[in-house]
Amino acid sequence: MVLAMALCCRGLSHRIQPAAGYWQLPTQGKRRAVLAGTHKTIPAGISSARILDRFWKISLDSYLIPKTKAHFSFSKESNVYTAGKHLGKLDADASGLANTVESLLNLRFTQDQVKQLLDLNPRIAAQIPVKDLPVLYVLESLGLNPRSTFKVLERCPELLGEKEHQLQSRIDNLRKHGLGEGRLQRTVVHCPHVLNLSAKQVNNTVRFFKDKCIFTGQQVTEILQTSPNVLFEKCEELEYKFQFAYFRMGIKQAEIVKSGIFRVSMEELRQRHIFLERLGRYQTPDKKGQTQIINPKPKAIFTTTEDYFLAKVAMSSWEEFDTFKKLLRREEMEKELENQEDRGTSVEQSDSEEDEELSDIEDEELSDIEDAELSHQNRLHC
């Protein structure tokens, strides 16, 4: 028994000695030891020291360093077998990583971009992009260069897990609504999250603009191109913006499309309009579309920076505008309290009116009963 354990310990020490002594090697020695037999699959010119850093940290810590005393116990599954299994898994991961890196480089990504892509989604480190990263080829088929593709994935890394048929179906649906070549590419680069939306979500927004806001198909296409954020907003909020611009400000559909009101919040929309109105620099047109002053263009009101708006449109100071916004918020809070009190008063009035009606009904019923008793008594006397 003692002899068997001694032989086993000697064999275990011989097999795991490279892994245990690995950390005494210099940096290049470490990588050569791990890449033995796999370095040929990495294309020439690639710096493994720069791209595979993350891989070394994960795999070497996981596979080569014993973490518990169980690694040194004598069980049916000996340490020799366990170490061999871990080293084999390491070789497979290194080979898969090399294939992934090679595929990404073939798509004209730089070495730095490859490393950042692996950081965005570490699960692809041992996968082949041709099979598991269809988004790269879908974006390439759109005509996006590697720099634009990387920008899209950096802003929306969850696209790395999407399936090809889902992405292609969503792209075809966007094309159906007028986002053709050139327009679609710009929309995807500036707002890549549109590729996460189902066709139903996009179709509902398009139908809302056509039915509720009476926009033409071309106008809806322009809105989707210039303000793709509308696809993520509720129809009630979009309708409120449209009604404010159309009825309160007197802006027609063609001007609304160019004004960019759907790119700003409802709070900012109201603040700038009311501020100009109280300064006497904006006037709501009458039924004939006429005004006593020349209103600034809606695009200059809503799509410009606050500095430009104050200097060129409102011709006012930042301090005055800031004071106005505080007063406007106070007015809105007071108005909301008044509305709540009015609703409470109306409820009390309705309750009192119901009580009066009930009392009237009860009085009528009592009088009817008294009349019936009186007539009954009269009949008895007769």
Protein backbone atom coordinates (compact mmCIF):
# COMPACT_ATOMS: atom_id res chain seq x y z
CA MET A 1 0.00 0.00 0.00
CA VAL A 2 2.82 2.39 0.93
CA LEU A 3 4.70 1.45 -2.23
CA ALA A 4 1.62 2.05 -4.40
CA MET A 5 1.04 5.48 -2.87
CA ALA A 6 4.70 6.39 -3.35
CA LEU A 7 4.58 5.41 -7.02
CA CYS A 8 1.34 7.35 -7.49
CA CYS A 9 2.80 10.45 -5.82
CA ARG A 10 5.92 10.19 -7.96
CA GLY A 11 3.81 9.93 -11.13
CA LEU A 12 1.55 12.83 -10.03
CA SER A 13 4.55 15.02 -9.27
CA HIS A 14 6.06 14.21 -12.65
CA ARG A 15 2.84 14.99 -14.57
CA ILE A 16 1.81 18.23 -12.85
CA GLN A 17 5.32 19.62 -12.40
CA PRO A 18 5.15 21.76 -15.59
CA ALA A 19 1.91 23.33 -14.40
CA ALA A 20 3.24 24.00 -10.91
CA GLY A 21 6.56 25.32 -12.16
CA TYR A 22 4.93 27.27 -14.94
CA TRP A 23 4.73 30.43 -12.90
CA GLN A 24 8.50 30.53 -12.46
CA LEU A 25 8.96 30.87 -16.21
CA PRO A 26 9.34 34.31 -17.81
CA THR A 27 6.32 35.75 -19.62
CA GLN A 28 7.34 34.54 -23.09
CA GLY A 29 8.16 31.12 -21.65
CA LYS A 30 4.65 30.86 -20.21
CA ARG A 31 3.00 31.56 -23.52
CA ARG A 32 5.29 29.26 -25.45
CA ALA A 33 4.52 26.48 -22.99
CA VAL A 34 0.76 26.91 -23.43
CA LEU A 35 0.84 27.50 -27.18
CA ALA A 36 2.94 24.43 -27.91
CA GLY A 37 1.28 22.74 -30.86
CA THR A 38 -1.30 25.53 -31.38
CA HIS A 39 0.79 28.58 -32.28
CA LYS A 40 0.76 27.65 -35.96
CA THR A 41 -2.95 28.40 -36.22
CA ILE A 42 -2.46 32.06 -35.27
CA PRO A 43 -1.87 34.16 -38.41
CA ALA A 44 1.39 35.98 -38.90
CA GLY A 45 1.59 39.53 -37.69
CA ILE A 46 -0.80 39.12 -34.74
CA SER A 47 0.53 39.94 -31.29
CA SER A 48 -0.63 37.23 -28.90
CA ALA A 49 0.76 39.29 -26.03
CA ARG A 50 -1.81 42.01 -26.75
CA ILE A 51 -4.87 40.07 -27.89
CA LEU A 52 -4.73 36.94 -25.74
CA ASP A 53 -4.14 38.65 -22.38
CA ARG A 54 -7.73 38.15 -21.27
CA PHE A 55 -7.65 34.56 -22.38
CA TRP A 56 -4.48 33.82 -20.37
CA LYS A 57 -6.01 35.23 -17.19
CA ILE A 58 -9.20 33.20 -17.49
CA SER A 59 -7.95 29.86 -18.78
CA LEU A 60 -4.66 29.55 -16.91
CA ASP A 61 -6.24 30.43 -13.58
CA SER A 62 -9.07 27.99 -14.28
CA TYR A 63 -7.13 25.04 -15.61
CA LEU A 64 -3.58 25.05 -14.22
CA ILE A 65 -3.78 26.27 -10.61
CA PRO A 66 -5.14 23.76 -8.04
CA LYS A 67 -7.71 25.65 -5.95
CA THR A 68 -8.72 23.07 -3.33
CA LYS A 69 -7.19 20.18 -1.45
CA ALA A 70 -9.43 17.87 -3.44
CA HIS A 71 -6.92 18.11 -6.29
CA PHE A 72 -4.42 16.16 -4.17
CA SER A 73 -6.80 13.51 -2.85
CA PHE A 74 -6.46 9.90 -4.00
CA SER A 75 -9.84 9.03 -5.56
CA LYS A 76 -11.00 6.96 -8.51
CA GLU A 77 -10.50 10.00 -10.76
CA SER A 78 -6.84 10.64 -9.97
CA ASN A 79 -5.10 13.98 -10.17
CA VAL A 80 -3.16 12.71 -13.13
CA TYR A 81 -6.38 12.22 -15.10
CA THR A 82 -7.81 15.54 -13.93
CA ALA A 83 -4.70 17.47 -14.90
CA GLY A 84 -4.66 15.80 -18.31
CA LYS A 85 -8.33 16.68 -18.85
CA HIS A 86 -7.76 20.32 -17.91
CA LEU A 87 -4.73 20.64 -20.16
CA GLY A 88 -6.68 19.12 -23.03
CA LYS A 89 -9.49 21.63 -22.50
CA LEU A 90 -6.93 24.43 -22.48
CA ASP A 91 -5.57 23.26 -25.84
CA ALA A 92 -9.12 23.19 -27.28
CA ASP A 93 -9.86 26.70 -26.00
CA ALA A 94 -6.60 28.05 -27.38
CA SER A 95 -7.38 26.50 -30.77
CA GLY A 96 -10.92 27.94 -30.76
CA LEU A 97 -9.62 31.35 -29.77
CA ALA A 98 -7.08 31.24 -32.58
CA ASN A 99 -9.84 30.43 -35.08
CA THR A 100 -11.97 33.27 -33.73
CA VAL A 101 -9.11 35.75 -33.95
CA GLU A 102 -8.29 34.63 -37.47
CA SER A 103 -11.92 35.01 -38.59
CA LEU A 104 -12.16 38.51 -37.10
CA LEU A 105 -8.93 39.56 -38.76
CA ASN A 106 -10.23 38.26 -42.07
CA LEU A 107 -13.12 40.67 -41.65
CA ARG A 108 -10.52 43.49 -41.60
CA PHE A 109 -10.76 44.27 -37.90
CA THR A 110 -7.61 45.63 -36.30
CA GLN A 111 -5.90 43.79 -33.47
CA ASP A 112 -7.12 46.33 -30.91
CA GLN A 113 -10.69 45.98 -32.17
CA VAL A 114 -10.49 42.18 -31.94
CA LYS A 115 -9.40 42.42 -28.32
CA GLN A 116 -12.22 44.86 -27.52
CA LEU A 117 -14.77 42.60 -29.21
CA LEU A 118 -13.60 39.71 -27.05
CA ASP A 119 -13.96 41.98 -24.01
CA LEU A 120 -17.51 42.95 -25.01
CA ASN A 121 -18.59 39.31 -25.19
CA PRO A 122 -16.07 36.91 -23.55
CA ARG A 123 -18.22 33.92 -24.51
CA ILE A 124 -17.08 34.19 -28.13
CA ALA A 125 -13.45 33.57 -27.11
CA ALA A 126 -13.74 29.89 -28.02
CA GLN A 127 -16.32 30.17 -30.83
CA ILE A 128 -16.05 30.66 -34.56
CA PRO A 129 -17.76 33.88 -35.75
CA VAL A 130 -18.98 32.29 -38.98
CA LYS A 131 -21.31 30.12 -36.94
CA ASP A 132 -22.08 32.09 -33.79
CA LEU A 133 -21.63 35.76 -34.76
CA PRO A 134 -23.87 36.30 -37.80
CA VAL A 135 -24.25 39.99 -36.93
CA LEU A 136 -20.74 40.61 -38.27
CA TYR A 137 -21.67 39.31 -41.68
CA VAL A 138 -25.12 40.91 -41.69
CA LEU A 139 -23.57 44.32 -40.99
CA GLU A 140 -20.91 43.69 -43.60
CA SER A 141 -23.65 42.87 -46.13
CA LEU A 142 -25.20 46.26 -45.38
CA GLY A 143 -21.99 47.87 -46.60
CA LEU A 144 -20.63 48.93 -43.21
CA ASN A 145 -16.87 49.05 -42.94
CA PRO A 146 -15.10 47.44 -39.94
CA ARG A 147 -14.88 50.77 -38.13
CA SER A 148 -18.65 51.37 -38.39
CA THR A 149 -19.38 47.75 -37.50
CA PHE A 150 -17.23 48.03 -34.40
CA LYS A 151 -19.01 51.27 -33.43
CA VAL A 152 -22.38 49.51 -33.75
CA LEU A 153 -21.29 46.57 -31.58
CA GLU A 154 -19.67 48.86 -29.03
CA ARG A 155 -22.93 50.79 -28.58
CA CYS A 156 -25.12 47.68 -28.67
CA PRO A 157 -23.06 44.59 -27.64
CA GLU A 158 -26.20 42.46 -27.21
CA LEU A 159 -26.37 42.20 -31.01
CA LEU A 160 -23.51 39.70 -30.76
CA GLY A 161 -26.01 37.10 -29.56
CA GLU A 162 -28.73 37.69 -32.18
CA LYS A 163 -29.56 35.09 -34.82
CA GLU A 164 -29.13 35.76 -38.51
CA HIS A 165 -32.76 35.21 -39.56
CA GLN A 166 -33.98 37.60 -36.82
CA LEU A 167 -31.59 40.36 -37.87
CA GLN A 168 -32.35 39.91 -41.54
CA SER A 169 -36.11 39.98 -40.90
CA ARG A 170 -35.83 43.25 -38.94
CA ILE A 171 -33.65 44.83 -41.63
CA ASP A 172 -36.12 43.81 -44.35
CA ASN A 173 -38.96 45.36 -42.35
CA LEU A 174 -37.08 48.65 -41.99
CA ARG A 175 -36.45 48.65 -45.73
CA LYS A 176 -40.17 48.14 -46.27
CA HIS A 177 -40.83 51.44 -44.49
CA GLY A 178 -38.55 53.38 -46.82
CA LEU A 179 -35.16 53.05 -45.14
CA GLY A 180 -33.25 52.04 -48.24
CA GLU A 181 -29.55 52.02 -48.96
CA GLY A 182 -27.73 54.90 -47.32
CA ARG A 183 -30.60 55.79 -45.01
CA LEU A 184 -30.62 52.39 -43.34
CA GLN A 185 -26.86 52.43 -42.79
CA ARG A 186 -26.97 55.87 -41.14
CA THR A 187 -29.87 54.82 -38.92
CA VAL A 188 -28.14 51.61 -37.80
CA VAL A 189 -24.85 53.39 -37.04
CA HIS A 190 -26.45 56.23 -35.05
CA CYS A 191 -29.07 54.06 -33.32
CA PRO A 192 -28.04 50.37 -33.51
CA HIS A 193 -30.70 49.38 -30.96
CA VAL A 194 -33.29 49.50 -33.77
CA LEU A 195 -32.04 46.03 -34.72
CA ASN A 196 -33.28 44.78 -31.35
CA LEU A 197 -36.87 45.83 -32.11
CA SER A 198 -39.37 43.37 -33.50
CA ALA A 199 -41.28 44.09 -36.71
CA LYS A 200 -44.47 44.47 -34.64
CA GLN A 201 -43.02 47.32 -32.56
CA VAL A 202 -41.84 49.20 -35.66
CA ASN A 203 -45.13 48.65 -37.49
CA ASN A 204 -47.18 49.93 -34.54
CA THR A 205 -45.23 53.21 -34.45
CA VAL A 206 -45.53 53.67 -38.21
CA ARG A 207 -49.28 52.99 -38.08
CA PHE A 208 -49.68 55.51 -35.26
CA PHE A 209 -47.97 58.29 -37.24
CA LYS A 210 -50.12 57.61 -40.29
CA ASP A 211 -53.47 57.19 -38.50
CA LYS A 212 -53.26 59.62 -35.57
CA CYS A 213 -50.90 62.29 -36.91
CA ILE A 214 -51.88 62.11 -40.61
CA PHE A 215 -48.28 61.89 -41.81
CA THR A 216 -47.58 60.58 -45.29
CA GLY A 217 -45.42 57.53 -45.86
CA GLN A 218 -42.51 59.69 -46.99
CA GLN A 219 -42.81 61.90 -43.92
CA VAL A 220 -42.83 58.84 -41.64
CA THR A 221 -39.67 57.58 -43.36
CA GLU A 222 -37.97 60.92 -42.73
CA ILE A 223 -39.00 60.82 -39.06
CA LEU A 224 -37.57 57.31 -38.67
CA GLN A 225 -34.33 58.42 -40.28
CA THR A 226 -33.83 61.66 -38.35
CA SER A 227 -35.46 60.59 -35.05
CA PRO A 228 -35.16 56.80 -34.66
CA ASN A 229 -35.73 57.25 -30.93
CA VAL A 230 -39.50 57.44 -31.66
CA LEU A 231 -39.46 53.65 -32.05
CA PHE A 232 -38.69 53.32 -28.32
CA GLU A 233 -41.28 55.82 -27.03
CA LYS A 234 -44.90 55.23 -26.11
CA CYS A 235 -47.53 56.32 -28.61
CA GLU A 236 -49.24 58.43 -25.91
CA GLU A 237 -46.08 60.53 -25.44
CA LEU A 238 -45.61 60.95 -29.18
CA GLU A 239 -49.24 61.99 -29.57
CA TYR A 240 -48.86 64.59 -26.81
CA LYS A 241 -45.84 66.10 -28.59
CA PHE A 242 -47.65 66.16 -31.91
CA GLN A 243 -50.78 67.77 -30.48
CA PHE A 244 -48.75 70.43 -28.67
CA ALA A 245 -46.87 71.32 -31.85
CA TYR A 246 -49.95 71.18 -34.10
CA PHE A 247 -52.63 72.84 -31.96
CA ARG A 248 -50.67 74.89 -29.41
CA MET A 249 -47.92 76.16 -31.70
CA GLY A 250 -49.78 75.98 -35.00
CA ILE A 251 -47.11 73.96 -36.85
CA LYS A 252 -48.26 71.82 -39.78
CA GLN A 253 -47.11 68.26 -40.56
CA ALA A 254 -44.44 69.22 -43.09
CA GLU A 255 -42.84 71.67 -40.63
CA ILE A 256 -43.15 69.20 -37.74
CA VAL A 257 -41.09 66.64 -39.67
CA LYS A 258 -38.28 69.17 -40.23
CA SER A 259 -38.51 70.75 -36.77
CA GLY A 260 -37.00 67.80 -34.90
CA ILE A 261 -39.51 68.01 -32.04
CA PHE A 262 -39.45 64.23 -31.64
CA ARG A 263 -35.77 64.38 -30.68
CA VAL A 264 -36.37 66.58 -27.61
CA SER A 265 -38.25 65.88 -24.42
CA MET A 266 -41.73 67.22 -23.80
CA GLU A 267 -40.42 69.35 -20.93
CA GLU A 268 -37.83 71.05 -23.13
CA LEU A 269 -40.41 71.52 -25.87
CA ARG A 270 -42.79 73.38 -23.56
CA GLN A 271 -40.05 75.40 -21.86
CA ARG A 272 -38.63 76.87 -25.05
CA HIS A 273 -42.00 77.59 -26.62
CA ILE A 274 -43.55 79.27 -23.55
CA PHE A 275 -40.35 81.23 -22.91
CA LEU A 276 -40.44 82.68 -26.43
CA GLU A 277 -44.17 83.32 -26.15
CA ARG A 278 -43.84 85.33 -22.95
CA LEU A 279 -40.94 87.27 -24.40
CA GLY A 280 -43.19 88.20 -27.32
CA ARG A 281 -40.97 86.41 -29.84
CA TYR A 282 -43.48 83.71 -30.81
CA GLN A 283 -47.16 83.93 -31.61
CA THR A 284 -49.57 81.11 -32.39
CA PRO A 285 -50.97 81.59 -35.93
CA ASP A 286 -54.69 82.24 -36.35
CA LYS A 287 -57.06 80.09 -38.39
CA LYS A 288 -55.68 81.59 -41.59
CA GLY A 289 -52.11 80.89 -40.51
CA GLN A 290 -51.23 84.55 -40.02
CA THR A 291 -49.30 86.21 -37.18
CA GLN A 292 -48.52 89.81 -36.22
CA ILE A 293 -44.83 88.99 -35.80
CA ILE A 294 -42.39 86.79 -37.72
CA ASN A 295 -41.95 83.58 -35.78
CA PRO A 296 -38.55 81.87 -35.74
CA LYS A 297 -38.25 78.59 -37.61
CA PRO A 298 -39.27 75.59 -35.49
CA LYS A 299 -35.96 73.90 -36.35
CA ALA A 300 -34.05 76.83 -34.84
CA ILE A 301 -36.13 76.52 -31.67
CA PHE A 302 -35.79 72.80 -30.98
CA THR A 303 -32.71 71.35 -32.71
CA THR A 304 -30.16 73.92 -31.56
CA THR A 305 -28.04 74.03 -28.44
CA GLU A 306 -29.20 76.07 -25.47
CA ASP A 307 -26.45 78.64 -26.03
CA TYR A 308 -27.52 79.19 -29.65
CA PHE A 309 -31.20 79.26 -28.67
CA LEU A 310 -30.64 81.96 -26.05
CA ALA A 311 -28.25 84.07 -28.13
CA LYS A 312 -29.88 83.91 -31.59
CA VAL A 313 -33.53 82.98 -31.05
CA ALA A 314 -34.64 84.19 -27.61
CA MET A 315 -31.99 86.94 -27.36
CA SER A 316 -31.92 86.45 -23.62
CA SER A 317 -29.49 85.39 -20.90
CA TRP A 318 -28.96 82.03 -19.31
CA GLU A 319 -29.87 83.41 -15.87
CA GLU A 320 -33.22 84.68 -17.14
CA PHE A 321 -34.03 81.37 -18.79
CA ASP A 322 -33.06 79.43 -15.66
CA THR A 323 -35.28 81.64 -13.48
CA PHE A 324 -38.14 81.17 -15.94
CA LYS A 325 -37.84 77.37 -15.81
CA LYS A 326 -38.06 77.42 -12.00
CA LEU A 327 -41.13 79.65 -12.08
CA LEU A 328 -42.74 77.45 -14.74
CA ARG A 329 -42.27 74.34 -12.61
CA ARG A 330 -43.85 76.14 -9.65
CA GLU A 331 -46.81 77.18 -11.80
CA GLU A 332 -47.29 73.61 -12.98
CA MET A 333 -47.19 72.27 -9.42
CA GLU A 334 -49.75 74.85 -8.25
CA LYS A 335 -51.97 74.06 -11.21
CA GLU A 336 -51.80 70.36 -10.44
CA LEU A 337 -52.81 71.01 -6.81
CA GLU A 338 -55.74 73.12 -7.97
CA ASN A 339 -56.86 70.35 -10.30
CA GLN A 340 -56.71 67.84 -7.47
CA GLU A 341 -58.76 70.15 -5.24
CA ASP A 342 -61.27 70.70 -8.03
CA ARG A 343 -61.59 66.96 -8.52
CA GLY A 344 -62.13 66.54 -4.78
CA THR A 345 -64.76 69.31 -4.74
CA SER A 346 -66.55 67.82 -7.73
CA VAL A 347 -66.65 64.43 -5.99
CA GLU A 348 -68.14 66.01 -2.87
CA GLN A 349 -70.72 67.87 -4.94
CA SER A 350 -71.69 64.73 -6.79
CA ASP A 351 -72.05 62.90 -3.47
CA SER A 352 -74.24 65.67 -2.03
CA GLU A 353 -76.35 65.71 -5.18
CA GLU A 354 -76.82 61.96 -4.92
CA ASP A 355 -77.84 62.33 -1.27
CA GLU A 356 -80.40 65.01 -2.20
CA GLU A 357 -81.82 62.81 -4.95
CA LEU A 358 -82.12 59.89 -2.55
CA SER A 359 -83.84 62.06 0.06
CA ASP A 360 -86.28 63.35 -2.58
CA ILE A 361 -87.06 59.80 -3.62
CA GLU A 362 -87.63 58.80 0.00
CA ASP A 363 -89.98 61.79 0.58
CA GLU A 364 -91.98 60.87 -2.52
CA GLU A 365 -92.26 57.27 -1.38
CA LEU A 366 -93.45 58.37 2.09
CA SER A 367 -96.09 60.70 0.63
CA ASP A 368 -97.33 57.92 -1.65
CA ILE A 369 -97.64 55.61 1.34
CA GLU A 370 -99.55 58.22 3.35
CA ASP A 371 -101.95 58.88 0.46
CA ALA A 372 -102.60 55.16 0.10
CA GLU A 373 -103.37 54.78 3.82
CA LEU A 374 -105.69 57.79 3.75
CA SER A 375 -107.64 56.49 0.79
CA HIS A 376 -107.91 53.09 2.46
CA GLN A 377 -109.38 54.66 5.60
CA ASN A 378 -111.90 56.64 3.59
CA ARG A 379 -113.09 53.46 1.87
CA LEU A 380 -113.57 51.82 5.26
CA HIS A 381 -115.72 54.69 6.55
CA CYS A 382 -117.86 54.52 3.50
